[in-house]
């Protein structure tokens, strides 16, 4: 059971996935979510560019 999420929100990020990995490597508490209103270098599956228009839900989750 997950009791408390650590949510980190930003206006603009290069990639929510990159920041989530950085926070995981820093030992930040889990579970965590990284959310952005806009990404400048988002990636999808197999490294494909992810279109990240403002107004879409852009988030990466790290769940233990």
C-alpha atoms as a PDB file:
ATOM      1  CA  UNK A   1       0.000   0.000   0.000  1.00  0.00           C
ATOM      2  CA  UNK A   2       1.270   3.463  -0.875  1.00  0.00           C
ATOM      3  CA  UNK A   3       0.570   6.028   1.831  1.00  0.00           C
ATOM      4  CA  UNK A   4       2.320   9.175   0.633  1.00  0.00           C
ATOM      5  CA  UNK A   5       3.542  10.315  -2.791  1.00  0.00           C
ATOM      6  CA  UNK A   6       6.429  12.762  -3.144  1.00  0.00           C
ATOM      7  CA  UNK A   7       5.327  14.903  -6.089  1.00  0.00           C
ATOM      8  CA  UNK A   8       7.736  17.271  -7.835  1.00  0.00           C
ATOM      9  CA  UNK A   9       6.120  19.678 -10.323  1.00  0.00           C
ATOM     10  CA  UNK A  10       7.856  21.933 -12.836  1.00  0.00           C
ATOM     11  CA  UNK A  11       6.790  24.349 -15.570  1.00  0.00           C
ATOM     12  CA  UNK A  12       9.474  23.185 -18.021  1.00  0.00           C
ATOM     13  CA  UNK A  13      11.894  20.242 -17.905  1.00  0.00           C
ATOM     14  CA  UNK A  14      14.083  18.556 -20.464  1.00  0.00           C
ATOM     15  CA  UNK A  15      12.624  15.142 -19.517  1.00  0.00           C
ATOM     16  CA  UNK A  16      10.542  13.957 -16.556  1.00  0.00           C
ATOM     17  CA  UNK A  17      12.239  10.568 -16.926  1.00  0.00           C
ATOM     18  CA  UNK A  18      15.737  12.059 -16.580  1.00  0.00           C
ATOM     19  CA  UNK A  19      14.769  13.958 -13.436  1.00  0.00           C
ATOM     20  CA  UNK A  20      13.047  10.894 -11.949  1.00  0.00           C
ATOM     21  CA  UNK A  21      16.233   8.837 -12.536  1.00  0.00           C
ATOM     22  CA  UNK A  22      18.341  11.596 -10.960  1.00  0.00           C
ATOM     23  CA  UNK A  23      16.091  11.729  -7.883  1.00  0.00           C
ATOM     24  CA  UNK A  24      16.190   7.922  -7.577  1.00  0.00           C
ATOM     25  CA  UNK A  25      20.016   7.963  -7.727  1.00  0.00           C
ATOM     26  CA  UNK A  26      20.069  10.690  -5.042  1.00  0.00           C
ATOM     27  CA  UNK A  27      18.073   8.425  -2.729  1.00  0.00           C
ATOM     28  CA  UNK A  28      14.965  10.600  -2.605  1.00  0.00           C
ATOM     29  CA  UNK A  29      12.011   9.003  -0.796  1.00  0.00           C
ATOM     30  CA  UNK A  30       9.683   6.744  -2.770  1.00  0.00           C
ATOM     31  CA  UNK A  31       7.160   6.654  -4.259  1.00  0.00           C
ATOM     32  CA  UNK A  32       7.848   9.775  -6.274  1.00  0.00           C
ATOM     33  CA  UNK A  33       6.293  11.506  -9.233  1.00  0.00           C
ATOM     34  CA  UNK A  34       7.901  14.084 -11.507  1.00  0.00           C
ATOM     35  CA  UNK A  35       5.423  16.223 -13.442  1.00  0.00           C
ATOM     36  CA  UNK A  36       6.040  18.980 -15.999  1.00  0.00           C
ATOM     37  CA  UNK A  37       3.760  21.308 -17.907  1.00  0.00           C
ATOM     38  CA  UNK A  38       6.151  21.060 -20.865  1.00  0.00           C
ATOM     39  CA  UNK A  39       9.199  18.965 -21.856  1.00  0.00           C
ATOM     40  CA  UNK A  40      11.929  20.065 -24.244  1.00  0.00           C
ATOM     41  CA  UNK A  41      13.563  16.640 -24.799  1.00  0.00           C
ATOM     42  CA  UNK A  42      10.957  14.035 -23.926  1.00  0.00           C
ATOM     43  CA  UNK A  43      11.440  10.446 -25.110  1.00  0.00           C
ATOM     44  CA  UNK A  44       9.047   7.624 -25.820  1.00  0.00           C
ATOM     45  CA  UNK A  45       9.693   3.936 -26.374  1.00  0.00           C
ATOM     46  CA  UNK A  46      12.933   2.947 -28.087  1.00  0.00           C
ATOM     47  CA  UNK A  47      14.250   6.493 -27.706  1.00  0.00           C
ATOM     48  CA  UNK A  48      11.706   8.024 -30.082  1.00  0.00           C
ATOM     49  CA  UNK A  49      11.107  11.752 -29.640  1.00  0.00           C
ATOM     50  CA  UNK A  50       8.057  12.440 -27.510  1.00  0.00           C
ATOM     51  CA  UNK A  51       5.860  15.355 -28.584  1.00  0.00           C
ATOM     52  CA  UNK A  52       5.348  17.329 -25.388  1.00  0.00           C
ATOM     53  CA  UNK A  53       2.938  20.152 -26.002  1.00  0.00           C
ATOM     54  CA  UNK A  54       1.874  22.325 -23.107  1.00  0.00           C
ATOM     55  CA  UNK A  55      -1.415  21.141 -21.666  1.00  0.00           C
ATOM     56  CA  UNK A  56      -0.740  17.392 -21.869  1.00  0.00           C
ATOM     57  CA  UNK A  57      -0.079  15.215 -18.835  1.00  0.00           C
ATOM     58  CA  UNK A  58       3.689  14.729 -18.682  1.00  0.00           C
ATOM     59  CA  UNK A  59       4.852  12.633 -15.766  1.00  0.00           C
ATOM     60  CA  UNK A  60       7.197   9.850 -14.690  1.00  0.00           C
ATOM     61  CA  UNK A  61       6.492   7.684 -11.648  1.00  0.00           C
ATOM     62  CA  UNK A  62       8.928   5.707  -9.487  1.00  0.00           C
ATOM     63  CA  UNK A  63       7.139   3.085  -7.401  1.00  0.00           C
ATOM     64  CA  UNK A  64       8.961   0.738  -4.998  1.00  0.00           C
END
